[in-house]
N, C-alpha and C. Protein backbone atom coordinates (compact mmCIF):
# COMPACT_ATOMS: atom_id res chain seq x y z
N THR A 1 20.92 -40.47 -19.55
CA THR A 1 19.66 -39.99 -20.09
C THR A 1 18.60 -41.07 -19.90
N LEU A 2 17.92 -41.01 -18.80
CA LEU A 2 16.91 -42.02 -18.46
C LEU A 2 15.51 -41.49 -18.73
N GLU A 3 14.64 -42.39 -19.13
CA GLU A 3 13.24 -42.02 -19.32
C GLU A 3 12.54 -42.05 -17.95
N ALA A 4 11.34 -41.53 -17.92
CA ALA A 4 10.56 -41.53 -16.69
C ALA A 4 10.32 -42.97 -16.23
N GLY A 5 10.38 -43.17 -14.93
CA GLY A 5 10.15 -44.49 -14.37
C GLY A 5 11.22 -44.85 -13.36
N LYS A 6 11.26 -46.11 -12.95
CA LYS A 6 12.25 -46.59 -11.98
C LYS A 6 13.29 -47.42 -12.72
N HIS A 7 14.55 -47.17 -12.35
CA HIS A 7 15.67 -47.84 -13.01
C HIS A 7 16.61 -48.39 -11.96
N PRO A 8 16.98 -49.69 -12.06
CA PRO A 8 17.93 -50.26 -11.10
C PRO A 8 19.30 -49.61 -11.27
N PHE A 9 19.98 -49.38 -10.14
CA PHE A 9 21.30 -48.76 -10.14
C PHE A 9 22.14 -49.47 -9.09
N GLN A 10 23.45 -49.25 -9.12
CA GLN A 10 24.37 -49.93 -8.21
C GLN A 10 23.94 -49.84 -6.75
N ALA A 11 23.57 -48.66 -6.31
CA ALA A 11 23.27 -48.44 -4.90
C ALA A 11 21.77 -48.51 -4.60
N GLY A 12 20.96 -48.91 -5.55
CA GLY A 12 19.52 -48.96 -5.30
C GLY A 12 18.74 -48.74 -6.57
N THR A 13 17.71 -47.91 -6.47
CA THR A 13 16.84 -47.63 -7.61
C THR A 13 16.82 -46.13 -7.87
N VAL A 14 16.94 -45.76 -9.13
CA VAL A 14 16.84 -44.36 -9.52
C VAL A 14 15.43 -44.13 -10.06
N SER A 15 14.73 -43.18 -9.49
CA SER A 15 13.38 -42.83 -9.96
C SER A 15 13.45 -41.53 -10.73
N VAL A 16 12.89 -41.54 -11.92
CA VAL A 16 12.86 -40.34 -12.76
C VAL A 16 11.40 -39.98 -12.99
N SER A 17 11.06 -38.73 -12.68
CA SER A 17 9.70 -38.26 -12.94
C SER A 17 9.78 -36.95 -13.72
N ILE A 18 8.75 -36.68 -14.45
CA ILE A 18 8.68 -35.45 -15.23
C ILE A 18 7.52 -34.63 -14.67
N PRO A 19 7.84 -33.57 -13.91
CA PRO A 19 6.77 -32.76 -13.31
C PRO A 19 6.02 -31.95 -14.38
N HIS A 20 4.76 -31.74 -14.15
CA HIS A 20 3.95 -30.89 -15.01
C HIS A 20 3.63 -29.62 -14.24
N ARG A 21 4.03 -28.50 -14.78
CA ARG A 21 3.79 -27.22 -14.13
C ARG A 21 2.78 -26.42 -14.96
N PHE A 22 1.89 -25.75 -14.26
CA PHE A 22 0.89 -24.92 -14.92
C PHE A 22 1.59 -23.84 -15.73
N SER A 23 1.20 -23.67 -16.97
CA SER A 23 1.77 -22.65 -17.85
C SER A 23 0.77 -21.53 -18.07
N ALA A 24 1.06 -20.37 -17.51
CA ALA A 24 0.18 -19.21 -17.70
C ALA A 24 0.15 -18.80 -19.16
N THR A 25 1.27 -18.96 -19.86
CA THR A 25 1.32 -18.62 -21.29
C THR A 25 0.38 -19.51 -22.08
N LYS A 26 0.43 -20.81 -21.80
CA LYS A 26 -0.45 -21.76 -22.49
C LYS A 26 -1.91 -21.47 -22.17
N ALA A 27 -2.19 -21.13 -20.91
CA ALA A 27 -3.56 -20.80 -20.51
C ALA A 27 -4.05 -19.58 -21.27
N LYS A 28 -3.21 -18.56 -21.38
CA LYS A 28 -3.59 -17.33 -22.09
C LYS A 28 -3.89 -17.62 -23.55
N GLU A 29 -3.09 -18.51 -24.17
CA GLU A 29 -3.27 -18.85 -25.58
C GLU A 29 -4.49 -19.73 -25.80
N THR A 30 -4.88 -20.53 -24.81
CA THR A 30 -5.91 -21.55 -25.00
C THR A 30 -7.29 -21.13 -24.52
N LEU A 31 -7.36 -20.49 -23.36
CA LEU A 31 -8.65 -20.19 -22.73
C LEU A 31 -9.30 -18.93 -23.31
N PRO A 32 -10.63 -18.87 -23.30
CA PRO A 32 -11.31 -17.62 -23.64
C PRO A 32 -10.92 -16.54 -22.62
N ASP A 33 -10.93 -15.29 -23.05
CA ASP A 33 -10.49 -14.18 -22.19
C ASP A 33 -11.21 -14.15 -20.84
N ASP A 34 -12.54 -14.36 -20.83
CA ASP A 34 -13.27 -14.26 -19.56
C ASP A 34 -12.86 -15.35 -18.58
N ILE A 35 -12.60 -16.55 -19.07
CA ILE A 35 -12.16 -17.63 -18.18
C ILE A 35 -10.73 -17.38 -17.72
N TYR A 36 -9.87 -16.94 -18.65
CA TYR A 36 -8.49 -16.64 -18.28
C TYR A 36 -8.45 -15.57 -17.19
N GLU A 37 -9.22 -14.52 -17.35
CA GLU A 37 -9.25 -13.44 -16.34
C GLU A 37 -9.78 -13.95 -15.00
N SER A 38 -10.65 -14.95 -15.02
CA SER A 38 -11.20 -15.46 -13.76
C SER A 38 -10.18 -16.27 -12.96
N ILE A 39 -9.09 -16.70 -13.59
CA ILE A 39 -8.06 -17.44 -12.86
C ILE A 39 -6.86 -16.56 -12.51
N CYS A 40 -6.92 -15.31 -12.89
CA CYS A 40 -5.82 -14.38 -12.59
C CYS A 40 -6.01 -13.76 -11.21
N VAL A 41 -4.89 -13.48 -10.55
CA VAL A 41 -4.91 -12.87 -9.23
C VAL A 41 -4.02 -11.63 -9.26
N LEU A 42 -4.54 -10.56 -8.77
CA LEU A 42 -3.76 -9.32 -8.66
C LEU A 42 -3.14 -9.30 -7.28
N LYS A 43 -1.81 -9.17 -7.22
CA LYS A 43 -1.14 -9.12 -5.92
C LYS A 43 0.02 -8.13 -5.98
N PRO A 44 0.38 -7.55 -4.86
CA PRO A 44 1.50 -6.62 -4.83
C PRO A 44 2.79 -7.30 -5.25
N SER A 45 3.64 -6.55 -5.92
CA SER A 45 4.92 -7.07 -6.39
C SER A 45 6.06 -6.22 -5.83
N ALA A 46 7.01 -6.86 -5.17
CA ALA A 46 8.17 -6.14 -4.64
C ALA A 46 8.96 -5.49 -5.78
N THR A 47 9.06 -6.18 -6.90
CA THR A 47 9.79 -5.63 -8.05
C THR A 47 9.12 -4.36 -8.55
N GLN A 48 7.81 -4.39 -8.69
CA GLN A 48 7.08 -3.21 -9.14
C GLN A 48 7.15 -2.10 -8.10
N ALA A 49 7.08 -2.45 -6.82
CA ALA A 49 7.17 -1.45 -5.75
C ALA A 49 8.50 -0.71 -5.82
N ARG A 50 9.59 -1.44 -6.07
CA ARG A 50 10.90 -0.80 -6.18
C ARG A 50 10.96 0.18 -7.34
N LYS A 51 10.22 -0.11 -8.41
CA LYS A 51 10.20 0.78 -9.57
C LYS A 51 9.42 2.06 -9.28
N VAL A 52 8.38 1.94 -8.44
CA VAL A 52 7.46 3.05 -8.22
C VAL A 52 7.76 3.84 -6.95
N LEU A 53 8.11 3.16 -5.88
CA LEU A 53 8.29 3.80 -4.57
C LEU A 53 9.74 4.16 -4.33
N GLY A 54 9.97 5.13 -3.49
CA GLY A 54 11.33 5.53 -3.13
C GLY A 54 11.94 4.56 -2.12
N THR A 55 13.25 4.62 -1.98
CA THR A 55 13.99 3.73 -1.09
C THR A 55 13.50 3.85 0.35
N ALA A 56 13.25 5.06 0.82
CA ALA A 56 12.81 5.25 2.21
C ALA A 56 11.48 4.54 2.45
N LEU A 57 10.56 4.64 1.53
CA LEU A 57 9.26 3.99 1.70
C LEU A 57 9.39 2.48 1.59
N ILE A 58 10.26 2.00 0.71
CA ILE A 58 10.51 0.55 0.61
C ILE A 58 11.07 0.04 1.93
N ASP A 59 12.02 0.76 2.53
CA ASP A 59 12.58 0.36 3.83
C ASP A 59 11.50 0.33 4.90
N GLN A 60 10.60 1.31 4.88
CA GLN A 60 9.53 1.38 5.87
C GLN A 60 8.56 0.20 5.71
N LEU A 61 8.37 -0.28 4.51
CA LEU A 61 7.42 -1.36 4.23
C LEU A 61 8.06 -2.75 4.28
N SER A 62 9.35 -2.81 4.58
CA SER A 62 10.06 -4.09 4.59
C SER A 62 10.14 -4.69 5.98
N GLU A 63 10.21 -6.02 6.03
CA GLU A 63 10.38 -6.75 7.28
C GLU A 63 11.62 -7.60 7.17
N PRO A 64 12.29 -7.89 8.28
CA PRO A 64 13.47 -8.74 8.20
C PRO A 64 13.09 -10.14 7.75
N GLY A 65 13.95 -10.73 6.93
CA GLY A 65 13.73 -12.09 6.46
C GLY A 65 14.57 -13.06 7.24
N ASP A 66 14.62 -14.29 6.76
CA ASP A 66 15.45 -15.33 7.38
C ASP A 66 16.92 -15.03 7.14
N PRO A 67 17.78 -15.37 8.11
CA PRO A 67 19.21 -15.16 7.93
C PRO A 67 19.73 -15.95 6.74
N VAL A 68 20.73 -15.40 6.07
CA VAL A 68 21.36 -16.06 4.94
C VAL A 68 22.81 -16.33 5.31
N VAL A 69 23.24 -17.57 5.16
CA VAL A 69 24.62 -17.96 5.46
C VAL A 69 25.27 -18.41 4.16
N ARG A 70 26.43 -17.83 3.84
CA ARG A 70 27.16 -18.22 2.65
C ARG A 70 28.55 -18.67 3.07
N ILE A 71 28.98 -19.76 2.51
CA ILE A 71 30.33 -20.26 2.77
C ILE A 71 31.08 -20.23 1.47
N SER A 72 32.25 -19.59 1.49
CA SER A 72 33.03 -19.55 0.24
C SER A 72 34.46 -19.92 0.50
């Protein structure tokens, strides 16, 4: 359990950092509604499309992705 910073270790130095990620929940709680709405983006959602559209239309709107390799 190391704190943020650089720590000497047998094979070198261990660096520990604590990333800060934008919290939409915190923004919603903190910002006035008009400012919050100005940072929101409406974009299509594959999850929502699956709920609304039929399988045939989802297949028609889909493109092949990168190959997936699994080793078990």
